[in-house]
PDB file of all heavy atoms in Angstrom:
ATOM      1  N   CYS A   1    -116.632 -63.355 115.345  1.00  0.00           N
ATOM      2  CA  CYS A   1    -117.465 -62.065 115.555  1.00  0.00           C
ATOM      3  C   CYS A   1    -118.888 -62.405 116.011  1.00  0.00           C
ATOM      4  O   CYS A   1    -119.297 -63.540 116.014  1.00  0.00           O
ATOM      5  CB  CYS A   1    -117.296 -61.246 114.293  1.00  0.00           C
ATOM      6  SG  CYS A   1    -115.741 -60.587 113.889  1.00  0.00           S
ATOM      7  N   LYS A   2    -119.591 -61.318 116.289  1.00  0.00           N
ATOM      8  CA  LYS A   2    -121.019 -61.512 116.498  1.00  0.00           C
ATOM      9  C   LYS A   2    -121.931 -61.250 115.373  1.00  0.00           C
ATOM     10  O   LYS A   2    -123.133 -61.430 115.517  1.00  0.00           O
ATOM     11  CB  LYS A   2    -121.369 -60.381 117.584  1.00  0.00           C
ATOM     12  CG  LYS A   2    -120.361 -60.506 118.873  1.00  0.00           C
ATOM     13  CD  LYS A   2    -120.625 -61.907 119.542  1.00  0.00           C
ATOM     14  CE  LYS A   2    -119.768 -61.952 120.845  1.00  0.00           C
ATOM     15  NZ  LYS A   2    -119.860 -63.329 121.408  1.00  0.00           N
ATOM     16  N   SER A   3    -121.326 -61.002 114.163  1.00  0.00           N
ATOM     17  CA  SER A   3    -122.136 -60.893 112.951  1.00  0.00           C
ATOM     18  C   SER A   3    -121.182 -61.366 111.858  1.00  0.00           C
ATOM     19  O   SER A   3    -120.089 -61.877 112.052  1.00  0.00           O
ATOM     20  CB  SER A   3    -122.381 -59.311 112.750  1.00  0.00           C
ATOM     21  OG  SER A   3    -121.239 -58.609 112.590  1.00  0.00           O
ATOM     22  N   ASN A   4    -121.652 -61.333 110.610  1.00  0.00           N
ATOM     23  CA  ASN A   4    -120.926 -61.928 109.471  1.00  0.00           C
ATOM     24  C   ASN A   4    -119.561 -61.384 109.335  1.00  0.00           C
ATOM     25  O   ASN A   4    -119.489 -60.163 109.509  1.00  0.00           O
ATOM     26  CB  ASN A   4    -121.791 -61.716 108.183  1.00  0.00           C
ATOM     27  CG  ASN A   4    -122.986 -62.618 108.019  1.00  0.00           C
ATOM     28  OD1 ASN A   4    -123.031 -63.723 108.626  1.00  0.00           O
ATOM     29  ND2 ASN A   4    -123.869 -62.356 107.089  1.00  0.00           N
ATOM     30  N   VAL A   5    -118.648 -62.229 109.086  1.00  0.00           N
ATOM     31  CA  VAL A   5    -117.280 -61.847 109.060  1.00  0.00           C
ATOM     32  C   VAL A   5    -116.737 -61.643 107.578  1.00  0.00           C
ATOM     33  O   VAL A   5    -115.660 -61.242 107.454  1.00  0.00           O
ATOM     34  CB  VAL A   5    -116.333 -62.904 109.691  1.00  0.00           C
ATOM     35  CG1 VAL A   5    -116.740 -62.987 111.220  1.00  0.00           C
ATOM     36  CG2 VAL A   5    -116.418 -64.330 109.107  1.00  0.00           C
ATOM     37  N   ASN A   6    -117.593 -61.951 106.621  1.00  0.00           N
ATOM     38  CA  ASN A   6    -117.116 -61.859 105.235  1.00  0.00           C
ATOM     39  C   ASN A   6    -116.444 -60.609 104.925  1.00  0.00           C
ATOM     40  O   ASN A   6    -115.393 -60.577 104.293  1.00  0.00           O
ATOM     41  CB  ASN A   6    -118.176 -62.297 104.236  1.00  0.00           C
ATOM     42  CG  ASN A   6    -119.545 -61.423 104.530  1.00  0.00           C
ATOM     43  OD1 ASN A   6    -119.519 -60.578 105.378  1.00  0.00           O
ATOM     44  ND2 ASN A   6    -120.504 -61.817 103.737  1.00  0.00           N
ATOM     45  N   GLN A   7    -117.148 -59.448 105.109  1.00  0.00           N
ATOM     46  CA  GLN A   7    -116.574 -58.130 104.773  1.00  0.00           C
ATOM     47  C   GLN A   7    -115.269 -57.778 105.587  1.00  0.00           C
ATOM     48  O   GLN A   7    -114.347 -57.281 104.927  1.00  0.00           O
ATOM     49  CB  GLN A   7    -117.631 -57.019 104.964  1.00  0.00           C
ATOM     50  CG  GLN A   7    -117.186 -55.692 104.468  1.00  0.00           C
ATOM     51  CD  GLN A   7    -117.040 -55.670 102.969  1.00  0.00           C
ATOM     52  OE1 GLN A   7    -117.821 -56.082 102.239  1.00  0.00           O
ATOM     53  NE2 GLN A   7    -115.724 -55.258 102.442  1.00  0.00           N
ATOM     54  N   SER A   8    -115.234 -58.120 106.781  1.00  0.00           N
ATOM     55  CA  SER A   8    -114.008 -57.902 107.635  1.00  0.00           C
ATOM     56  C   SER A   8    -112.918 -58.615 107.181  1.00  0.00           C
ATOM     57  O   SER A   8    -111.748 -58.152 107.174  1.00  0.00           O
ATOM     58  CB  SER A   8    -114.274 -58.198 109.157  1.00  0.00           C
ATOM     59  OG  SER A   8    -115.282 -57.250 109.644  1.00  0.00           O
ATOM     60  N   ILE A   9    -113.081 -59.903 106.730  1.00  0.00           N
ATOM     61  CA  ILE A   9    -111.939 -60.788 106.203  1.00  0.00           C
ATOM     62  C   ILE A   9    -111.476 -60.244 104.928  1.00  0.00           C
ATOM     63  O   ILE A   9    -110.252 -60.094 104.710  1.00  0.00           O
ATOM     64  CB  ILE A   9    -112.342 -62.172 105.996  1.00  0.00           C
ATOM     65  CG1 ILE A   9    -112.683 -62.921 107.487  1.00  0.00           C
ATOM     66  CG2 ILE A   9    -111.263 -62.993 105.314  1.00  0.00           C
ATOM     67  CD1 ILE A   9    -113.128 -64.304 107.348  1.00  0.00           C
ATOM     68  N   TYR A  10    -112.385 -59.801 104.123  1.00  0.00           N
ATOM     69  CA  TYR A  10    -111.991 -59.151 102.803  1.00  0.00           C
ATOM     70  C   TYR A  10    -111.123 -57.843 102.998  1.00  0.00           C
ATOM     71  O   TYR A  10    -110.082 -57.774 102.514  1.00  0.00           O
ATOM     72  CB  TYR A  10    -113.243 -58.826 101.998  1.00  0.00           C
ATOM     73  CG  TYR A  10    -113.055 -58.073 100.708  1.00  0.00           C
ATOM     74  CD1 TYR A  10    -112.976 -58.809  99.621  1.00  0.00           C
ATOM     75  CD2 TYR A  10    -112.862 -56.709 100.708  1.00  0.00           C
ATOM     76  CE1 TYR A  10    -112.656 -58.181  98.329  1.00  0.00           C
ATOM     77  CE2 TYR A  10    -112.671 -56.089  99.446  1.00  0.00           C
ATOM     78  CZ  TYR A  10    -112.572 -56.762  98.320  1.00  0.00           C
ATOM     79  OH  TYR A  10    -112.344 -56.031  97.136  1.00  0.00           O
ATOM     80  N   ASP A  11    -111.623 -57.029 103.818  1.00  0.00           N
ATOM     81  CA  ASP A  11    -110.948 -55.817 104.143  1.00  0.00           C
ATOM     82  C   ASP A  11    -109.553 -56.050 104.848  1.00  0.00           C
ATOM     83  O   ASP A  11    -108.500 -55.395 104.416  1.00  0.00           O
ATOM     84  CB  ASP A  11    -111.782 -54.949 105.233  1.00  0.00           C
ATOM     85  CG  ASP A  11    -113.030 -54.419 104.517  1.00  0.00           C
ATOM     86  OD1 ASP A  11    -113.076 -54.460 103.269  1.00  0.00           O
ATOM     87  OD2 ASP A  11    -113.819 -53.992 105.354  1.00  0.00           O
ATOM     88  N   GLY A  12    -109.489 -57.028 105.664  1.00  0.00           N
ATOM     89  CA  GLY A  12    -108.138 -57.499 106.286  1.00  0.00           C
ATOM     90  C   GLY A  12    -107.200 -57.977 105.139  1.00  0.00           C
ATOM     91  O   GLY A  12    -105.964 -57.718 105.305  1.00  0.00           O
ATOM     92  N   LEU A  13    -107.757 -58.763 104.308  1.00  0.00           N
ATOM     93  CA  LEU A  13    -106.823 -59.295 103.193  1.00  0.00           C
ATOM     94  C   LEU A  13    -106.349 -58.229 102.360  1.00  0.00           C
ATOM     95  O   LEU A  13    -105.227 -58.215 101.775  1.00  0.00           O
ATOM     96  CB  LEU A  13    -107.614 -60.384 102.451  1.00  0.00           C
ATOM     97  CG  LEU A  13    -107.947 -61.715 103.157  1.00  0.00           C
ATOM     98  CD1 LEU A  13    -108.653 -62.638 102.161  1.00  0.00           C
ATOM     99  CD2 LEU A  13    -106.617 -62.410 103.677  1.00  0.00           C
ATOM    100  N   MET A  14    -107.143 -57.208 102.096  1.00  0.00           N
ATOM    101  CA  MET A  14    -106.732 -56.062 101.255  1.00  0.00           C
ATOM    102  C   MET A  14    -105.401 -55.436 101.830  1.00  0.00           C
ATOM    103  O   MET A  14    -104.513 -54.992 101.196  1.00  0.00           O
ATOM    104  CB  MET A  14    -107.844 -55.093 101.056  1.00  0.00           C
ATOM    105  CG  MET A  14    -108.955 -55.590 100.139  1.00  0.00           C
ATOM    106  SD  MET A  14    -108.565 -55.660  98.398  1.00  0.00           S
ATOM    107  CE  MET A  14    -108.401 -53.943  98.000  1.00  0.00           C
ATOM    108  N   VAL A  15    -105.542 -55.263 103.156  1.00  0.00           N
ATOM    109  CA  VAL A  15    -104.408 -54.694 103.840  1.00  0.00           C
ATOM    110  C   VAL A  15    -103.234 -55.648 103.829  1.00  0.00           C
ATOM    111  O   VAL A  15    -102.114 -55.175 103.888  1.00  0.00           O
ATOM    112  CB  VAL A  15    -104.804 -54.388 105.398  1.00  0.00           C
ATOM    113  CG1 VAL A  15    -103.619 -53.791 106.190  1.00  0.00           C
ATOM    114  CG2 VAL A  15    -105.979 -53.443 105.408  1.00  0.00           C
ATOM    115  N   LEU A  16    -103.333 -56.932 103.824  1.00  0.00           N
ATOM    116  CA  LEU A  16    -102.198 -57.925 103.639  1.00  0.00           C
ATOM    117  C   LEU A  16    -101.826 -58.275 102.364  1.00  0.00           C
ATOM    118  O   LEU A  16    -101.069 -59.076 102.109  1.00  0.00           O
ATOM    119  CB  LEU A  16    -102.633 -59.195 104.438  1.00  0.00           C
ATOM    120  CG  LEU A  16    -102.854 -58.943 106.034  1.00  0.00           C
ATOM    121  CD1 LEU A  16    -103.301 -60.320 106.619  1.00  0.00           C
ATOM    122  CD2 LEU A  16    -101.700 -58.424 106.762  1.00  0.00           C
ATOM    123  N   GLN A  17    -102.380 -57.556 101.295  1.00  0.00           N
ATOM    124  CA  GLN A  17    -102.144 -57.825  99.885  1.00  0.00           C
ATOM    125  C   GLN A  17    -100.586 -57.920  99.566  1.00  0.00           C
ATOM    126  O   GLN A  17    -100.130 -58.742  98.690  1.00  0.00           O
ATOM    127  CB  GLN A  17    -102.862 -56.932  98.989  1.00  0.00           C
ATOM    128  CG  GLN A  17    -102.933 -57.196  97.543  1.00  0.00           C
ATOM    129  CD  GLN A  17    -103.785 -58.452  97.107  1.00  0.00           C
ATOM    130  OE1 GLN A  17    -104.968 -58.216  96.917  1.00  0.00           O
ATOM    131  NE2 GLN A  17    -103.205 -59.580  97.123  1.00  0.00           N
ATOM    132  N   HIS A  18     -99.836 -57.067 100.241  1.00  0.00           N
ATOM    133  CA  HIS A  18     -98.412 -57.074  99.992  1.00  0.00           C
ATOM    134  C   HIS A  18     -97.734 -58.283 100.313  1.00  0.00           C
ATOM    135  O   HIS A  18     -96.694 -58.620  99.801  1.00  0.00           O
ATOM    136  CB  HIS A  18     -97.725 -55.963 100.770  1.00  0.00           C
ATOM    137  CG  HIS A  18     -97.853 -56.065 102.245  1.00  0.00           C
ATOM    138  ND1 HIS A  18     -99.121 -55.894 102.919  1.00  0.00           N
ATOM    139  CD2 HIS A  18     -96.948 -56.526 103.142  1.00  0.00           C
ATOM    140  CE1 HIS A  18     -98.813 -56.221 104.219  1.00  0.00           C
ATOM    141  NE2 HIS A  18     -97.470 -56.544 104.436  1.00  0.00           N
ATOM    142  N   ARG A  19     -98.348 -59.212 101.064  1.00  0.00           N
ATOM    143  CA  ARG A  19     -97.809 -60.531 101.396  1.00  0.00           C
ATOM    144  C   ARG A  19     -98.012 -61.657 100.453  1.00  0.00           C
ATOM    145  O   ARG A  19     -97.494 -62.622 100.598  1.00  0.00           O
ATOM    146  CB  ARG A  19     -98.238 -61.015 102.902  1.00  0.00           C
ATOM    147  CG  ARG A  19     -97.928 -59.930 103.934  1.00  0.00           C
ATOM    148  CD  ARG A  19     -98.136 -60.527 105.338  1.00  0.00           C
ATOM    149  NE  ARG A  19     -97.256 -61.544 105.570  1.00  0.00           N
ATOM    150  CZ  ARG A  19     -96.113 -61.556 106.154  1.00  0.00           C
ATOM    151  NH1 ARG A  19     -95.519 -60.284 106.478  1.00  0.00           N
ATOM    152  NH2 ARG A  19     -95.304 -62.573 106.442  1.00  0.00           N
ATOM    153  N   GLY A  20     -98.849 -61.324  99.435  1.00  0.00           N
ATOM    154  CA  GLY A  20     -99.092 -62.291  98.415  1.00  0.00           C
ATOM    155  C   GLY A  20    -100.152 -61.821  97.386  1.00  0.00           C
ATOM    156  O   GLY A  20    -101.218 -61.395  97.695  1.00  0.00           O
ATOM    157  N   GLN A  21     -99.697 -61.811  96.101  1.00  0.00           N
ATOM    158  CA  GLN A  21    -100.604 -61.400  95.014  1.00  0.00           C
ATOM    159  C   GLN A  21    -100.992 -62.463  94.003  1.00  0.00           C
ATOM    160  O   GLN A  21    -101.521 -62.141  93.005  1.00  0.00           O
ATOM    161  CB  GLN A  21     -99.893 -60.280  94.348  1.00  0.00           C
ATOM    162  CG  GLN A  21     -99.607 -59.046  95.282  1.00  0.00           C
ATOM    163  CD  GLN A  21     -98.956 -57.877  94.618  1.00  0.00           C
ATOM    164  OE1 GLN A  21     -98.500 -57.996  93.428  1.00  0.00           O
ATOM    165  NE2 GLN A  21     -98.942 -56.841  95.232  1.00  0.00           N
ATOM    166  N   ASP A  22    -100.529 -63.663  94.355  1.00  0.00           N
ATOM    167  CA  ASP A  22    -100.922 -64.739  93.456  1.00  0.00           C
ATOM    168  C   ASP A  22    -102.219 -65.296  93.625  1.00  0.00           C
ATOM    169  O   ASP A  22    -102.908 -65.713  92.457  1.00  0.00           O
ATOM    170  CB  ASP A  22     -99.820 -65.801  93.580  1.00  0.00           C
ATOM    171  CG  ASP A  22     -99.847 -66.909  92.521  1.00  0.00           C
ATOM    172  OD1 ASP A  22     -99.570 -66.651  91.453  1.00  0.00           O
ATOM    173  OD2 ASP A  22    -100.283 -68.090  92.882  1.00  0.00           O
ATOM    174  N   ALA A  23    -102.736 -65.490  94.739  1.00  0.00           N
ATOM    175  CA  ALA A  23    -104.110 -66.137  95.030  1.00  0.00           C
ATOM    176  C   ALA A  23    -104.648 -65.657  96.200  1.00  0.00           C
ATOM    177  O   ALA A  23    -103.958 -65.022  97.197  1.00  0.00           O
ATOM    178  CB  ALA A  23    -104.022 -67.672  94.950  1.00  0.00           C
ATOM    179  N   ALA A  24    -105.969 -65.775  96.470  1.00  0.00           N
ATOM    180  CA  ALA A  24    -106.672 -65.255  97.629  1.00  0.00           C
ATOM    181  C   ALA A  24    -107.853 -66.287  97.910  1.00  0.00           C
ATOM    182  O   ALA A  24    -108.384 -66.924  96.956  1.00  0.00           O
ATOM    183  CB  ALA A  24    -107.192 -63.923  97.468  1.00  0.00           C
ATOM    184  N   GLY A  25    -108.137 -66.413  99.219  1.00  0.00           N
ATOM    185  CA  GLY A  25    -109.322 -67.292  99.638  1.00  0.00           C
ATOM    186  C   GLY A  25    -109.954 -66.877 100.905  1.00  0.00           C
ATOM    187  O   GLY A  25    -109.200 -66.354 101.706  1.00  0.00           O
ATOM    188  N   ILE A  26    -111.231 -67.188 101.037  1.00  0.00           N
ATOM    189  CA  ILE A  26    -111.893 -66.952 102.291  1.00  0.00           C
ATOM    190  C   ILE A  26    -112.780 -68.226 102.452  1.00  0.00           C
ATOM    191  O   ILE A  26    -113.421 -68.801 101.621  1.00  0.00           O
ATOM    192  CB  ILE A  26    -112.829 -65.703 102.269  1.00  0.00           C
ATOM    193  CG1 ILE A  26    -111.995 -64.495 102.117  1.00  0.00           C
ATOM    194  CG2 ILE A  26    -113.643 -65.665 103.470  1.00  0.00           C
ATOM    195  CD1 ILE A  26    -112.693 -63.225 102.039  1.00  0.00           C
ATOM    196  N   MET A  27    -112.833 -68.693 103.741  1.00  0.00           N
ATOM    197  CA  MET A  27    -113.787 -69.798 104.040  1.00  0.00           C
ATOM    198  C   MET A  27    -114.543 -69.454 105.442  1.00  0.00           C
ATOM    199  O   MET A  27    -113.848 -68.939 106.319  1.00  0.00           O
ATOM    200  CB  MET A  27    -113.041 -71.056 104.386  1.00  0.00           C
ATOM    201  CG  MET A  27    -114.055 -72.232 104.716  1.00  0.00           C
ATOM    202  SD  MET A  27    -113.223 -73.883 104.767  1.00  0.00           S
ATOM    203  CE  MET A  27    -113.468 -74.353 102.997  1.00  0.00           C
ATOM    204  N   THR A  28    -115.782 -69.489 105.459  1.00  0.00           N
ATOM    205  CA  THR A  28    -116.543 -69.108 106.621  1.00  0.00           C
ATOM    206  C   THR A  28    -117.385 -70.316 107.179  1.00  0.00           C
ATOM    207  O   THR A  28    -117.507 -71.276 106.312  1.00  0.00           O
ATOM    208  CB  THR A  28    -117.518 -67.939 106.413  1.00  0.00           C
ATOM    209  OG1 THR A  28    -118.413 -68.239 105.266  1.00  0.00           O
ATOM    210  CG2 THR A  28    -116.714 -66.622 105.916  1.00  0.00           C
ATOM    211  N   SER A  29    -117.914 -70.197 108.283  1.00  0.00           N
ATOM    212  CA  SER A  29    -118.660 -71.227 108.928  1.00  0.00           C
ATOM    213  C   SER A  29    -119.989 -70.675 109.520  1.00  0.00           C
ATOM    214  O   SER A  29    -119.997 -69.636 110.238  1.00  0.00           O
ATOM    215  CB  SER A  29    -117.916 -71.947 109.991  1.00  0.00           C
ATOM    216  OG  SER A  29    -118.649 -72.937 110.627  1.00  0.00           O
ATOM    217  N   ALA A  30    -121.119 -71.385 109.165  1.00  0.00           N
ATOM    218  CA  ALA A  30    -122.332 -71.030 109.750  1.00  0.00           C
ATOM    219  C   ALA A  30    -123.311 -72.246 109.833  1.00  0.00           C
ATOM    220  O   ALA A  30    -123.366 -73.013 108.786  1.00  0.00           O
ATOM    221  CB  ALA A  30    -123.100 -69.919 108.822  1.00  0.00           C
ATOM    222  N   ASP A  31    -123.798 -72.493 111.071  1.00  0.00           N
ATOM    223  CA  ASP A  31    -124.674 -73.624 111.338  1.00  0.00           C
ATOM    224  C   ASP A  31    -123.977 -74.967 110.820  1.00  0.00           C
ATOM    225  O   ASP A  31    -124.586 -75.854 110.093  1.00  0.00           O
ATOM    226  CB  ASP A  31    -126.079 -73.483 110.493  1.00  0.00           C
ATOM    227  CG  ASP A  31    -126.787 -72.236 111.109  1.00  0.00           C
ATOM    228  OD1 ASP A  31    -126.646 -71.961 112.353  1.00  0.00           O
ATOM    229  OD2 ASP A  31    -127.430 -71.488 110.217  1.00  0.00           O
ATOM    230  N   ASN A  32    -122.763 -75.191 111.223  1.00  0.00           N
ATOM    231  CA  ASN A  32    -122.076 -76.393 110.960  1.00  0.00           C
ATOM    232  C   ASN A  32    -121.874 -76.598 109.338  1.00  0.00           C
ATOM    233  O   ASN A  32    -121.602 -77.726 108.948  1.00  0.00           O
ATOM    234  CB  ASN A  32    -122.646 -77.507 111.532  1.00  0.00           C
ATOM    235  CG  ASN A  32    -122.489 -77.549 112.967  1.00  0.00           C
ATOM    236  OD1 ASN A  32    -121.453 -77.028 113.532  1.00  0.00           O
ATOM    237  ND2 ASN A  32    -123.498 -78.051 113.730  1.00  0.00           N
ATOM    238  N   ARG A  33    -121.973 -75.580 108.605  1.00  0.00           N
ATOM    239  CA  ARG A  33    -121.728 -75.639 107.154  1.00  0.00           C
ATOM    240  C   ARG A  33    -120.646 -74.634 106.798  1.00  0.00           C
ATOM    241  O   ARG A  33    -120.423 -73.649 107.496  1.00  0.00           O
ATOM    242  CB  ARG A  33    -122.945 -75.291 106.360  1.00  0.00           C
ATOM    243  CG  ARG A  33    -124.056 -76.164 106.392  1.00  0.00           C
ATOM    244  CD  ARG A  33    -125.133 -75.956 105.501  1.00  0.00           C
ATOM    245  NE  ARG A  33    -124.809 -76.066 104.097  1.00  0.00           N
ATOM    246  CZ  ARG A  33    -125.535 -75.674 103.017  1.00  0.00           C
ATOM    247  NH1 ARG A  33    -126.685 -75.301 103.150  1.00  0.00           N
ATOM    248  NH2 ARG A  33    -125.134 -75.878 101.750  1.00  0.00           N
ATOM    249  N   LEU A  34    -119.796 -75.097 105.853  1.00  0.00           N
ATOM    250  CA  LEU A  34    -118.737 -74.284 105.445  1.00  0.00           C
ATOM    251  C   LEU A  34    -118.936 -73.690 104.018  1.00  0.00           C
ATOM    252  O   LEU A  34    -119.424 -74.343 103.190  1.00  0.00           O
ATOM    253  CB  LEU A  34    -117.387 -75.163 105.371  1.00  0.00           C
ATOM    254  CG  LEU A  34    -116.881 -75.690 106.676  1.00  0.00           C
ATOM    255  CD1 LEU A  34    -115.756 -76.696 106.549  1.00  0.00           C
ATOM    256  CD2 LEU A  34    -116.539 -74.473 107.647  1.00  0.00           C
ATOM    257  N   TYR A  35    -118.489 -72.366 103.813  1.00  0.00           N
ATOM    258  CA  TYR A  35    -118.613 -71.671 102.570  1.00  0.00           C
ATOM    259  C   TYR A  35    -117.175 -71.216 102.093  1.00  0.00           C
ATOM    260  O   TYR A  35    -116.430 -70.614 102.967  1.00  0.00           O
ATOM    261  CB  TYR A  35    -119.479 -70.534 102.784  1.00  0.00           C
ATOM    262  CG  TYR A  35    -120.897 -70.878 103.338  1.00  0.00           C
ATOM    263  CD1 TYR A  35    -121.196 -70.992 104.773  1.00  0.00           C
ATOM    264  CD2 TYR A  35    -121.926 -71.217 102.433  1.00  0.00           C
ATOM    265  CE1 TYR A  35    -122.320 -71.328 105.230  1.00  0.00           C
ATOM    266  CE2 TYR A  35    -123.209 -71.558 102.911  1.00  0.00           C
ATOM    267  CZ  TYR A  35    -123.354 -71.670 104.315  1.00  0.00           C
ATOM    268  OH  TYR A  35    -124.584 -71.959 104.798  1.00  0.00           O
ATOM    269  N   LEU A  36    -116.887 -71.445 100.846  1.00  0.00           N
ATOM    270  CA  LEU A  36    -115.483 -71.247 100.396  1.00  0.00           C
ATOM    271  C   LEU A  36    -115.531 -70.548  99.029  1.00  0.00           C
ATOM    272  O   LEU A  36    -116.420 -70.737  98.149  1.00  0.00           O
ATOM    273  CB  LEU A  36    -114.802 -72.649 100.250  1.00  0.00           C
ATOM    274  CG  LEU A  36    -113.396 -72.447  99.562  1.00  0.00           C
ATOM    275  CD1 LEU A  36    -112.358 -71.789 100.475  1.00  0.00           C
ATOM    276  CD2 LEU A  36    -112.885 -73.941  99.367  1.00  0.00           C
ATOM    277  N   ARG A  37    -114.627 -69.537  98.981  1.00  0.00           N
ATOM    278  CA  ARG A  37    -114.331 -68.990  97.756  1.00  0.00           C
ATOM    279  C   ARG A  37    -112.746 -68.733  97.564  1.00  0.00           C
ATOM    280  O   ARG A  37    -112.218 -68.134  98.623  1.00  0.00           O
ATOM    281  CB  ARG A  37    -115.004 -67.595  97.557  1.00  0.00           C
ATOM    282  CG  ARG A  37    -114.442 -66.767  96.338  1.00  0.00           C
ATOM    283  CD  ARG A  37    -114.718 -67.435  95.011  1.00  0.00           C
ATOM    284  NE  ARG A  37    -114.080 -66.591  93.915  1.00  0.00           N
ATOM    285  CZ  ARG A  37    -114.025 -66.940  92.692  1.00  0.00           C
ATOM    286  NH1 ARG A  37    -114.419 -68.251  92.243  1.00  0.00           N
ATOM    287  NH2 ARG A  37    -113.511 -66.241  91.727  1.00  0.00           N
ATOM    288  N   LYS A  38    -112.052 -69.313  96.592  1.00  0.00           N
ATOM    289  CA  LYS A  38    -110.711 -69.080  96.514  1.00  0.00           C
ATOM    290  C   LYS A  38    -110.343 -69.228  95.045  1.00  0.00           C
ATOM    291  O   LYS A  38    -110.938 -70.034  94.245  1.00  0.00           O
ATOM    292  CB  LYS A  38    -109.803 -70.089  97.338  1.00  0.00           C
ATOM    293  CG  LYS A  38    -109.997 -71.461  96.995  1.00  0.00           C
ATOM    294  CD  LYS A  38    -109.087 -72.386  97.852  1.00  0.00           C
ATOM    295  CE  LYS A  38    -109.164 -73.821  97.517  1.00  0.00           C
ATOM    296  NZ  LYS A  38    -108.167 -74.624  98.371  1.00  0.00           N
ATOM    297  N   ALA A  39    -109.318 -68.384  94.504  1.00  0.00           N
ATOM    298  CA  ALA A  39    -108.966 -68.458  93.143  1.00  0.00           C
ATOM    299  C   ALA A  39    -107.628 -67.733  92.975  1.00  0.00           C
ATOM    300  O   ALA A  39    -107.243 -66.925  93.952  1.00  0.00           O
ATOM    301  CB  ALA A  39    -109.982 -67.814  92.279  1.00  0.00           C
TER     302      ALA A  39
END
């Protein structure tokens, strides 16, 4: 995207929640650094 994708990925995963309810995770990239949250 042209702006931060964190909220859009979250919203998209909410819509796909029926495909998996055991765990969730998001990883993003900015300035050649990676940011991760999963549990």
